[in-house]
N, C-alpha and C. Protein backbone atom coordinates (compact mmCIF):
# COMPACT_ATOMS: atom_id res chain seq x y z
N MET A 1 0.84 -1.18 0.00
CA MET A 1 0.00 0.00 0.00
C MET A 1 0.88 1.24 0.00
N LYS A 2 0.58 2.15 -0.89
CA LYS A 2 1.39 3.35 -1.04
C LYS A 2 1.00 4.38 0.02
N GLU A 3 2.01 4.96 0.71
CA GLU A 3 1.74 5.98 1.71
C GLU A 3 1.51 7.32 1.02
N LYS A 4 0.56 8.08 1.59
CA LYS A 4 0.36 9.42 1.02
C LYS A 4 1.46 10.34 1.54
N PRO A 5 1.92 11.27 0.70
CA PRO A 5 3.00 12.16 1.11
C PRO A 5 2.53 13.08 2.24
N MET A 6 3.42 13.35 3.17
CA MET A 6 3.13 14.22 4.30
C MET A 6 3.19 15.68 3.86
N SER A 7 2.25 16.46 4.36
CA SER A 7 2.31 17.90 4.14
C SER A 7 3.50 18.43 4.95
N ARG A 8 4.18 19.37 4.40
CA ARG A 8 5.33 19.93 5.11
C ARG A 8 4.89 20.91 6.18
N GLY A 9 3.66 21.37 6.13
CA GLY A 9 3.18 22.30 7.15
C GLY A 9 3.51 23.73 6.81
N MET A 10 2.93 24.62 7.57
CA MET A 10 3.10 26.05 7.31
C MET A 10 4.44 26.57 7.81
N TRP A 11 5.10 25.82 8.68
CA TRP A 11 6.39 26.26 9.20
C TRP A 11 7.44 26.34 8.11
N SER A 12 7.25 25.59 7.01
CA SER A 12 8.24 25.57 5.94
C SER A 12 7.98 26.63 4.86
N LEU A 13 6.94 27.44 5.04
CA LEU A 13 6.64 28.49 4.06
C LEU A 13 7.71 29.58 4.08
N PRO A 14 7.88 30.27 2.95
CA PRO A 14 8.78 31.43 2.96
C PRO A 14 8.25 32.50 3.93
N ILE A 15 9.14 33.28 4.47
CA ILE A 15 8.77 34.30 5.47
C ILE A 15 7.74 35.28 4.92
N SER A 16 7.80 35.61 3.63
CA SER A 16 6.82 36.53 3.05
C SER A 16 5.41 35.95 3.14
N ASN A 17 5.26 34.65 2.90
CA ASN A 17 3.95 34.01 3.03
C ASN A 17 3.48 33.99 4.48
N LYS A 18 4.41 33.70 5.38
CA LYS A 18 4.05 33.69 6.80
C LYS A 18 3.54 35.06 7.25
N ILE A 19 4.21 36.10 6.82
CA ILE A 19 3.79 37.45 7.20
C ILE A 19 2.43 37.77 6.59
N PHE A 20 2.23 37.43 5.33
CA PHE A 20 0.93 37.66 4.68
C PHE A 20 -0.18 36.94 5.43
N PHE A 21 0.01 35.64 5.72
CA PHE A 21 -1.01 34.87 6.44
C PHE A 21 -1.24 35.42 7.84
N THR A 22 -0.19 35.84 8.51
CA THR A 22 -0.32 36.40 9.86
C THR A 22 -1.13 37.69 9.82
N PHE A 23 -0.87 38.56 8.87
CA PHE A 23 -1.67 39.79 8.73
C PHE A 23 -3.13 39.46 8.45
N PHE A 24 -3.36 38.50 7.56
CA PHE A 24 -4.74 38.10 7.25
C PHE A 24 -5.44 37.60 8.51
N LEU A 25 -4.78 36.74 9.27
CA LEU A 25 -5.38 36.20 10.50
C LEU A 25 -5.61 37.30 11.54
N ALA A 26 -4.72 38.29 11.58
CA ALA A 26 -4.91 39.41 12.51
C ALA A 26 -6.15 40.21 12.12
N ILE A 27 -6.33 40.47 10.84
CA ILE A 27 -7.50 41.22 10.38
C ILE A 27 -8.78 40.41 10.63
N ILE A 28 -8.74 39.11 10.38
CA ILE A 28 -9.90 38.25 10.65
C ILE A 28 -10.23 38.27 12.14
N THR A 29 -9.21 38.26 12.99
CA THR A 29 -9.44 38.32 14.44
C THR A 29 -10.17 39.59 14.82
N VAL A 30 -9.74 40.72 14.27
CA VAL A 30 -10.40 42.00 14.53
C VAL A 30 -11.84 41.96 14.00
N ALA A 31 -12.03 41.42 12.79
CA ALA A 31 -13.38 41.35 12.21
C ALA A 31 -14.31 40.49 13.08
N ILE A 32 -13.82 39.39 13.58
CA ILE A 32 -14.62 38.53 14.45
C ILE A 32 -14.95 39.27 15.74
N GLY A 33 -13.96 39.94 16.29
CA GLY A 33 -14.18 40.73 17.50
C GLY A 33 -15.24 41.80 17.30
N VAL A 34 -15.18 42.51 16.19
CA VAL A 34 -16.18 43.54 15.89
C VAL A 34 -17.56 42.90 15.70
N GLY A 35 -17.60 41.75 15.05
CA GLY A 35 -18.87 41.04 14.87
C GLY A 35 -19.52 40.69 16.20
N PHE A 36 -18.71 40.20 17.13
CA PHE A 36 -19.25 39.88 18.45
C PHE A 36 -19.63 41.14 19.22
N TRP A 37 -18.89 42.21 19.01
CA TRP A 37 -19.21 43.50 19.64
C TRP A 37 -20.58 43.99 19.15
N VAL A 38 -20.81 43.89 17.86
CA VAL A 38 -22.11 44.29 17.29
C VAL A 38 -23.23 43.44 17.89
N ALA A 39 -23.00 42.13 17.96
CA ALA A 39 -24.02 41.24 18.54
C ALA A 39 -24.27 41.59 20.00
N TYR A 40 -23.20 41.89 20.74
CA TYR A 40 -23.36 42.27 22.14
C TYR A 40 -24.12 43.58 22.26
N ASP A 41 -23.82 44.52 21.39
CA ASP A 41 -24.50 45.82 21.41
C ASP A 41 -26.00 45.66 21.17
N LYS A 42 -26.36 44.72 20.30
CA LYS A 42 -27.78 44.50 19.98
C LYS A 42 -28.51 43.71 21.05
N THR A 43 -27.82 42.73 21.65
CA THR A 43 -28.52 41.78 22.52
C THR A 43 -27.95 41.65 23.93
N GLY A 44 -26.75 42.17 24.15
CA GLY A 44 -26.12 41.97 25.44
C GLY A 44 -25.82 40.51 25.74
N PHE A 45 -25.91 39.66 24.73
CA PHE A 45 -25.76 38.21 24.86
C PHE A 45 -26.73 37.65 25.90
N SER A 46 -27.84 38.34 26.07
CA SER A 46 -28.88 37.90 26.98
C SER A 46 -29.97 37.22 26.17
N PRO A 47 -30.43 36.04 26.59
CA PRO A 47 -31.51 35.38 25.85
C PRO A 47 -32.77 36.26 25.75
N ALA A 48 -33.13 36.93 26.84
CA ALA A 48 -34.34 37.77 26.81
C ALA A 48 -34.17 38.94 25.85
N LYS A 49 -32.99 39.57 25.87
CA LYS A 49 -32.75 40.70 24.96
C LYS A 49 -32.63 40.24 23.51
N THR A 50 -32.14 39.03 23.31
CA THR A 50 -32.05 38.48 21.95
C THR A 50 -33.45 38.25 21.39
N VAL A 51 -34.32 37.65 22.19
CA VAL A 51 -35.71 37.44 21.77
C VAL A 51 -36.36 38.79 21.50
N ARG A 52 -36.12 39.76 22.37
CA ARG A 52 -36.68 41.11 22.18
C ARG A 52 -36.17 41.73 20.88
N TYR A 53 -34.89 41.52 20.57
CA TYR A 53 -34.31 42.08 19.35
C TYR A 53 -35.01 41.53 18.10
N TYR A 54 -35.26 40.21 18.08
CA TYR A 54 -35.87 39.60 16.90
C TYR A 54 -37.40 39.69 16.88
N CYS A 55 -38.02 39.61 18.05
CA CYS A 55 -39.49 39.54 18.10
C CYS A 55 -40.14 40.85 18.52
N GLY A 56 -39.36 41.83 18.94
CA GLY A 56 -39.92 43.10 19.36
C GLY A 56 -40.46 43.05 20.78
N ASP A 57 -40.92 44.20 21.23
CA ASP A 57 -41.44 44.28 22.59
C ASP A 57 -42.83 44.91 22.63
N GLU A 58 -43.53 44.86 21.50
CA GLU A 58 -44.87 45.46 21.44
C GLU A 58 -45.84 44.82 22.41
N GLY A 59 -45.66 43.53 22.66
CA GLY A 59 -46.58 42.81 23.54
C GLY A 59 -46.26 42.98 25.02
N GLU A 60 -45.10 43.56 25.31
CA GLU A 60 -44.72 43.73 26.71
C GLU A 60 -45.60 44.78 27.38
N GLU A 61 -45.96 44.49 28.59
CA GLU A 61 -46.77 45.42 29.34
C GLU A 61 -45.91 46.15 30.35
N PHE A 62 -46.35 47.32 30.76
CA PHE A 62 -45.65 48.09 31.78
C PHE A 62 -45.72 47.34 33.11
N ASP A 63 -44.58 47.24 33.77
CA ASP A 63 -44.51 46.55 35.06
C ASP A 63 -44.57 47.61 36.17
N PRO A 64 -45.65 47.67 36.93
CA PRO A 64 -45.77 48.69 37.98
C PRO A 64 -44.76 48.49 39.11
N ASN A 65 -44.18 47.29 39.23
CA ASN A 65 -43.18 47.02 40.27
C ASN A 65 -41.77 47.39 39.83
N GLN A 66 -41.65 47.90 38.61
CA GLN A 66 -40.35 48.26 38.05
C GLN A 66 -39.81 49.48 38.78
N SER A 67 -38.51 49.45 39.10
CA SER A 67 -37.90 50.60 39.77
C SER A 67 -37.72 51.74 38.77
N GLN A 68 -37.48 52.91 39.30
CA GLN A 68 -37.26 54.10 38.46
C GLN A 68 -36.05 53.88 37.55
N GLU A 69 -34.98 53.27 38.10
CA GLU A 69 -33.76 53.02 37.29
C GLU A 69 -34.05 52.05 36.15
N GLU A 70 -34.82 50.97 36.45
CA GLU A 70 -35.16 50.00 35.41
C GLU A 70 -36.02 50.65 34.33
N TYR A 71 -36.95 51.51 34.74
CA TYR A 71 -37.81 52.19 33.79
C TYR A 71 -36.99 53.12 32.90
N MET A 72 -36.07 53.88 33.50
CA MET A 72 -35.23 54.81 32.73
C MET A 72 -34.31 54.03 31.77
N GLU A 73 -33.81 52.89 32.23
CA GLU A 73 -32.95 52.06 31.38
C GLU A 73 -33.72 51.53 30.18
N SER A 74 -34.95 51.08 30.38
CA SER A 74 -35.75 50.58 29.26
C SER A 74 -36.09 51.69 28.29
N LEU A 75 -36.26 52.93 28.78
CA LEU A 75 -36.50 54.06 27.89
C LEU A 75 -35.28 54.35 27.02
N LYS A 76 -34.08 54.21 27.60
CA LYS A 76 -32.85 54.43 26.84
C LYS A 76 -32.70 53.42 25.70
N GLU A 77 -33.11 52.18 25.97
CA GLU A 77 -32.99 51.13 24.96
C GLU A 77 -33.93 51.35 23.79
N GLY A 78 -35.05 52.00 24.04
CA GLY A 78 -36.00 52.28 22.97
C GLY A 78 -36.99 51.15 22.76
N ILE A 79 -37.82 51.34 21.78
CA ILE A 79 -38.84 50.35 21.43
C ILE A 79 -38.28 49.45 20.34
N TYR A 80 -38.47 48.17 20.50
CA TYR A 80 -38.03 47.20 19.49
C TYR A 80 -39.26 46.70 18.74
N PHE A 81 -39.13 46.70 17.42
CA PHE A 81 -40.19 46.17 16.58
C PHE A 81 -39.76 44.79 16.09
N PRO A 82 -40.70 43.90 15.86
CA PRO A 82 -40.32 42.57 15.34
C PRO A 82 -39.58 42.70 14.01
N LYS A 83 -38.55 41.88 13.84
CA LYS A 83 -37.82 41.88 12.58
C LYS A 83 -38.75 41.38 11.48
N SER A 84 -38.77 42.11 10.40
CA SER A 84 -39.64 41.73 9.30
C SER A 84 -39.00 40.61 8.48
N TYR A 85 -39.82 39.98 7.69
CA TYR A 85 -39.36 38.95 6.77
C TYR A 85 -38.23 39.49 5.90
N ARG A 86 -38.39 40.70 5.37
CA ARG A 86 -37.38 41.30 4.48
C ARG A 86 -36.08 41.60 5.23
N GLU A 87 -36.18 42.07 6.47
CA GLU A 87 -34.96 42.32 7.26
C GLU A 87 -34.18 41.03 7.47
N LEU A 88 -34.88 39.98 7.89
CA LEU A 88 -34.22 38.70 8.11
C LEU A 88 -33.65 38.14 6.81
N LEU A 89 -34.39 38.29 5.72
CA LEU A 89 -33.92 37.80 4.43
C LEU A 89 -32.65 38.55 4.00
N GLY A 90 -32.61 39.86 4.20
CA GLY A 90 -31.43 40.65 3.84
C GLY A 90 -30.20 40.26 4.64
N VAL A 91 -30.37 40.08 5.93
CA VAL A 91 -29.24 39.68 6.78
C VAL A 91 -28.79 38.26 6.42
N THR A 92 -29.74 37.37 6.21
CA THR A 92 -29.41 35.99 5.84
C THR A 92 -28.66 35.97 4.51
N HIS A 93 -29.12 36.75 3.56
CA HIS A 93 -28.48 36.79 2.24
C HIS A 93 -27.02 37.23 2.37
N ALA A 94 -26.77 38.26 3.13
CA ALA A 94 -25.39 38.75 3.29
C ALA A 94 -24.52 37.71 4.00
N HIS A 95 -25.06 37.11 5.05
CA HIS A 95 -24.26 36.17 5.83
C HIS A 95 -24.09 34.81 5.17
N ILE A 96 -25.05 34.40 4.34
CA ILE A 96 -24.95 33.08 3.72
C ILE A 96 -23.83 33.06 2.67
N PHE A 97 -23.44 34.22 2.19
CA PHE A 97 -22.28 34.31 1.30
C PHE A 97 -21.00 34.55 2.07
N SER A 98 -21.01 35.53 2.96
CA SER A 98 -19.76 35.97 3.60
C SER A 98 -19.18 34.98 4.59
N ILE A 99 -20.00 34.42 5.46
CA ILE A 99 -19.46 33.52 6.48
C ILE A 99 -18.82 32.27 5.86
N PRO A 100 -19.50 31.57 4.93
CA PRO A 100 -18.84 30.39 4.34
C PRO A 100 -17.56 30.72 3.57
N ILE A 101 -17.49 31.89 2.94
CA ILE A 101 -16.26 32.25 2.22
C ILE A 101 -15.10 32.41 3.20
N VAL A 102 -15.35 33.11 4.30
CA VAL A 102 -14.31 33.29 5.31
C VAL A 102 -13.91 31.93 5.89
N VAL A 103 -14.90 31.10 6.20
CA VAL A 103 -14.61 29.77 6.76
C VAL A 103 -13.84 28.93 5.75
N PHE A 104 -14.18 29.04 4.46
CA PHE A 104 -13.44 28.28 3.44
C PHE A 104 -11.97 28.69 3.42
N ILE A 105 -11.71 29.98 3.44
CA ILE A 105 -10.32 30.45 3.42
C ILE A 105 -9.57 29.97 4.67
N LEU A 106 -10.22 30.11 5.82
CA LEU A 106 -9.58 29.67 7.06
C LEU A 106 -9.39 28.15 7.07
N SER A 107 -10.34 27.42 6.49
CA SER A 107 -10.23 25.96 6.42
C SER A 107 -9.04 25.55 5.55
N ARG A 108 -8.83 26.25 4.47
CA ARG A 108 -7.69 25.94 3.60
C ARG A 108 -6.38 26.18 4.33
N MET A 109 -6.35 27.23 5.14
CA MET A 109 -5.13 27.49 5.93
C MET A 109 -4.94 26.39 6.97
N LEU A 110 -6.02 25.98 7.62
CA LEU A 110 -5.92 24.92 8.62
C LEU A 110 -5.47 23.61 7.95
N ALA A 111 -5.93 23.37 6.73
CA ALA A 111 -5.54 22.15 6.01
C ALA A 111 -4.04 22.10 5.74
N MET A 112 -3.39 23.25 5.70
CA MET A 112 -1.95 23.32 5.44
C MET A 112 -1.12 23.03 6.68
N THR A 113 -1.75 22.93 7.85
CA THR A 113 -1.00 22.72 9.09
C THR A 113 -0.71 21.23 9.30
N GLN A 114 0.09 20.96 10.31
CA GLN A 114 0.42 19.59 10.69
C GLN A 114 -0.58 19.00 11.67
N LEU A 115 -1.66 19.69 11.93
CA LEU A 115 -2.69 19.21 12.85
C LEU A 115 -3.22 17.87 12.35
N ARG A 116 -3.54 17.00 13.26
CA ARG A 116 -4.07 15.68 12.88
C ARG A 116 -5.40 15.83 12.14
N ASP A 117 -5.62 14.93 11.18
CA ASP A 117 -6.82 15.00 10.33
C ASP A 117 -8.11 14.96 11.14
N TRP A 118 -8.19 14.11 12.16
CA TRP A 118 -9.43 13.99 12.93
C TRP A 118 -9.76 15.31 13.62
N LEU A 119 -8.74 16.06 14.06
CA LEU A 119 -8.98 17.34 14.71
C LEU A 119 -9.41 18.40 13.69
N LYS A 120 -8.84 18.33 12.50
CA LYS A 120 -9.27 19.23 11.42
C LYS A 120 -10.74 18.98 11.10
N ILE A 121 -11.13 17.72 11.03
CA ILE A 121 -12.52 17.37 10.73
C ILE A 121 -13.45 17.89 11.82
N VAL A 122 -13.03 17.80 13.08
CA VAL A 122 -13.83 18.33 14.18
C VAL A 122 -14.04 19.84 14.02
N VAL A 123 -12.98 20.55 13.67
CA VAL A 123 -13.08 22.01 13.48
C VAL A 123 -13.97 22.32 12.28
N TYR A 124 -13.77 21.64 11.16
CA TYR A 124 -14.62 21.87 9.98
C TYR A 124 -16.08 21.61 10.31
N SER A 125 -16.35 20.49 10.98
CA SER A 125 -17.74 20.12 11.31
C SER A 125 -18.36 21.12 12.28
N GLY A 126 -17.59 21.54 13.26
CA GLY A 126 -18.09 22.52 14.23
C GLY A 126 -18.44 23.84 13.59
N SER A 127 -17.60 24.28 12.66
CA SER A 127 -17.90 25.57 12.01
C SER A 127 -19.11 25.43 11.07
N LEU A 128 -19.25 24.29 10.40
CA LEU A 128 -20.43 24.09 9.55
C LEU A 128 -21.70 24.08 10.40
N ALA A 129 -21.67 23.37 11.52
CA ALA A 129 -22.83 23.35 12.41
C ALA A 129 -23.13 24.75 12.94
N GLY A 130 -22.08 25.50 13.28
CA GLY A 130 -22.27 26.87 13.76
C GLY A 130 -22.89 27.77 12.70
N ILE A 131 -22.45 27.63 11.46
CA ILE A 131 -23.01 28.43 10.36
C ILE A 131 -24.50 28.12 10.19
N ILE A 132 -24.83 26.84 10.13
CA ILE A 132 -26.23 26.45 9.92
C ILE A 132 -27.11 26.98 11.06
N MET A 133 -26.66 26.78 12.30
CA MET A 133 -27.45 27.25 13.44
C MET A 133 -27.58 28.77 13.45
N ASN A 134 -26.48 29.46 13.12
CA ASN A 134 -26.49 30.92 13.14
C ASN A 134 -27.41 31.50 12.09
N LEU A 135 -27.50 30.84 10.94
CA LEU A 135 -28.38 31.32 9.88
C LEU A 135 -29.84 30.99 10.15
N CYS A 136 -30.09 29.86 10.79
CA CYS A 136 -31.48 29.42 11.05
C CYS A 136 -32.08 30.03 12.31
N ALA A 137 -31.27 30.26 13.32
CA ALA A 137 -31.78 30.69 14.63
C ALA A 137 -32.65 31.94 14.58
N PRO A 138 -32.25 33.02 13.89
CA PRO A 138 -33.13 34.20 13.87
C PRO A 138 -34.53 33.91 13.31
N TRP A 139 -34.59 33.10 12.27
CA TRP A 139 -35.88 32.73 11.67
C TRP A 139 -36.71 31.91 12.66
N LEU A 140 -36.05 30.96 13.30
CA LEU A 140 -36.77 30.11 14.25
C LEU A 140 -37.23 30.89 15.48
N ILE A 141 -36.39 31.81 15.95
CA ILE A 141 -36.78 32.65 17.10
C ILE A 141 -37.98 33.51 16.73
N ARG A 142 -37.90 34.12 15.57
CA ARG A 142 -38.94 35.07 15.15
C ARG A 142 -40.26 34.39 14.80
N TYR A 143 -40.20 33.27 14.10
CA TYR A 143 -41.42 32.69 13.56
C TYR A 143 -41.86 31.38 14.20
N THR A 144 -41.05 30.76 15.04
CA THR A 144 -41.42 29.47 15.62
C THR A 144 -41.56 29.54 17.13
N SER A 145 -40.43 29.72 17.84
CA SER A 145 -40.46 29.73 19.30
C SER A 145 -39.27 30.50 19.85
N HIS A 146 -39.50 31.19 20.92
CA HIS A 146 -38.43 31.94 21.59
C HIS A 146 -37.36 30.99 22.13
N HIS A 147 -37.71 29.74 22.33
CA HIS A 147 -36.77 28.76 22.88
C HIS A 147 -35.59 28.49 21.95
N PHE A 148 -35.74 28.83 20.67
CA PHE A 148 -34.64 28.62 19.73
C PHE A 148 -33.49 29.60 19.94
N VAL A 149 -33.63 30.49 20.91
CA VAL A 149 -32.53 31.38 21.24
C VAL A 149 -31.30 30.57 21.67
N ILE A 150 -31.52 29.36 22.18
CA ILE A 150 -30.41 28.49 22.56
C ILE A 150 -29.55 28.13 21.35
N LEU A 151 -30.15 28.01 20.15
CA LEU A 151 -29.37 27.74 18.94
C LEU A 151 -28.39 28.86 18.64
N LEU A 152 -28.83 30.09 18.85
CA LEU A 152 -27.94 31.23 18.62
C LEU A 152 -26.78 31.21 19.61
N THR A 153 -27.08 30.87 20.84
CA THR A 153 -26.03 30.77 21.87
C THR A 153 -25.04 29.67 21.52
N ILE A 154 -25.54 28.51 21.13
CA ILE A 154 -24.67 27.40 20.76
C ILE A 154 -23.83 27.77 19.53
N SER A 155 -24.45 28.43 18.55
CA SER A 155 -23.70 28.81 17.35
C SER A 155 -22.59 29.79 17.69
N ASN A 156 -22.85 30.71 18.61
CA ASN A 156 -21.80 31.65 19.02
C ASN A 156 -20.66 30.93 19.73
N ILE A 157 -20.97 29.96 20.55
CA ILE A 157 -19.92 29.18 21.22
C ILE A 157 -19.11 28.40 20.18
N LEU A 158 -19.80 27.78 19.22
CA LEU A 158 -19.09 27.05 18.16
C LEU A 158 -18.21 28.00 17.34
N PHE A 159 -18.71 29.20 17.04
CA PHE A 159 -17.91 30.17 16.31
C PHE A 159 -16.66 30.56 17.09
N ILE A 160 -16.81 30.81 18.37
CA ILE A 160 -15.64 31.19 19.19
C ILE A 160 -14.61 30.07 19.17
N LEU A 161 -15.06 28.84 19.39
CA LEU A 161 -14.13 27.71 19.44
C LEU A 161 -13.48 27.43 18.09
N THR A 162 -14.30 27.38 17.03
CA THR A 162 -13.73 27.02 15.73
C THR A 162 -12.90 28.15 15.13
N PHE A 163 -13.36 29.39 15.25
CA PHE A 163 -12.54 30.49 14.74
C PHE A 163 -11.25 30.61 15.55
N GLY A 164 -11.33 30.33 16.84
CA GLY A 164 -10.11 30.30 17.65
C GLY A 164 -9.13 29.26 17.11
N ALA A 165 -9.65 28.08 16.77
CA ALA A 165 -8.79 27.03 16.20
C ALA A 165 -8.25 27.44 14.83
N TYR A 166 -9.12 28.02 14.00
CA TYR A 166 -8.69 28.46 12.66
C TYR A 166 -7.58 29.50 12.74
N ILE A 167 -7.56 30.27 13.79
CA ILE A 167 -6.55 31.31 13.92
C ILE A 167 -5.31 30.79 14.66
N PHE A 168 -5.52 30.08 15.77
CA PHE A 168 -4.41 29.64 16.60
C PHE A 168 -3.52 28.62 15.89
N PHE A 169 -4.10 27.56 15.33
CA PHE A 169 -3.28 26.48 14.79
C PHE A 169 -2.40 26.90 13.62
N PRO A 170 -2.90 27.67 12.64
CA PRO A 170 -1.98 28.13 11.60
C PRO A 170 -0.86 29.03 12.14
N LEU A 171 -1.20 29.92 13.08
CA LEU A 171 -0.15 30.78 13.66
C LEU A 171 0.89 29.94 14.39
N TYR A 172 0.43 28.96 15.17
CA TYR A 172 1.36 28.08 15.87
C TYR A 172 2.22 27.31 14.87
N ASP A 173 1.57 26.76 13.84
CA ASP A 173 2.29 25.96 12.85
C ASP A 173 3.32 26.81 12.10
N MET A 174 3.00 28.05 11.82
CA MET A 174 3.93 28.92 11.09
C MET A 174 5.11 29.37 11.93
N TRP A 175 4.86 29.75 13.17
CA TRP A 175 5.87 30.45 13.94
C TRP A 175 6.51 29.65 15.06
N PHE A 176 5.86 28.59 15.56
CA PHE A 176 6.39 27.89 16.72
C PHE A 176 6.68 26.41 16.48
N TYR A 177 6.03 25.81 15.50
CA TYR A 177 6.25 24.41 15.17
C TYR A 177 7.62 24.26 14.53
N ARG A 178 8.35 23.24 14.88
CA ARG A 178 9.72 23.12 14.35
C ARG A 178 9.89 21.97 13.36
N GLY A 179 8.80 21.54 12.75
CA GLY A 179 8.92 20.58 11.67
C GLY A 179 9.04 19.13 12.10
N GLN A 180 8.65 18.80 13.33
CA GLN A 180 8.67 17.41 13.74
C GLN A 180 7.64 16.65 12.90
N ILE A 181 8.01 15.49 12.47
CA ILE A 181 7.10 14.67 11.67
C ILE A 181 6.24 13.84 12.62
N LYS A 182 4.92 13.88 12.42
CA LYS A 182 4.03 13.09 13.26
C LYS A 182 4.04 11.64 12.77
N LYS A 183 3.89 10.73 13.69
CA LYS A 183 3.91 9.30 13.35
C LYS A 183 2.52 8.79 13.15
């Protein structure tokens, strides 16, 4: 049986390629950070605020037991209207193209590392599951049940873990790995 040739890994790349990939990963890190900042600004990563963001607060009634501070805080946040079909469709359209393209590029970089195949498959599968959940969750929250907010939370956790892997392992392989051959 013929053995498949071993990838040399990213550590063997010319320094110009390493610098290019490092800059790209740095920019992707900032982009991911800004993306999470935007999500935090909209929802506070709170399940109740996430449901409010997608479903609106028109049905909420005034709570007479609410403190003055809580009332003033809710006034600052403003009134939330349910996300319309067109709003969700527009966001889904933008994300269904952009997220998979970024993941594809990062996956190709991860494929160039010396990381074991089973771990690469775990990262690829986790990011695919995260993409699907992230794209479906707003629709499910808005039109099916508020309980689907858990899908958005799980997708965010998967994104943090998989994007962390997509960024960490290539950087490690380029700059710290010393070319040991795995058995």
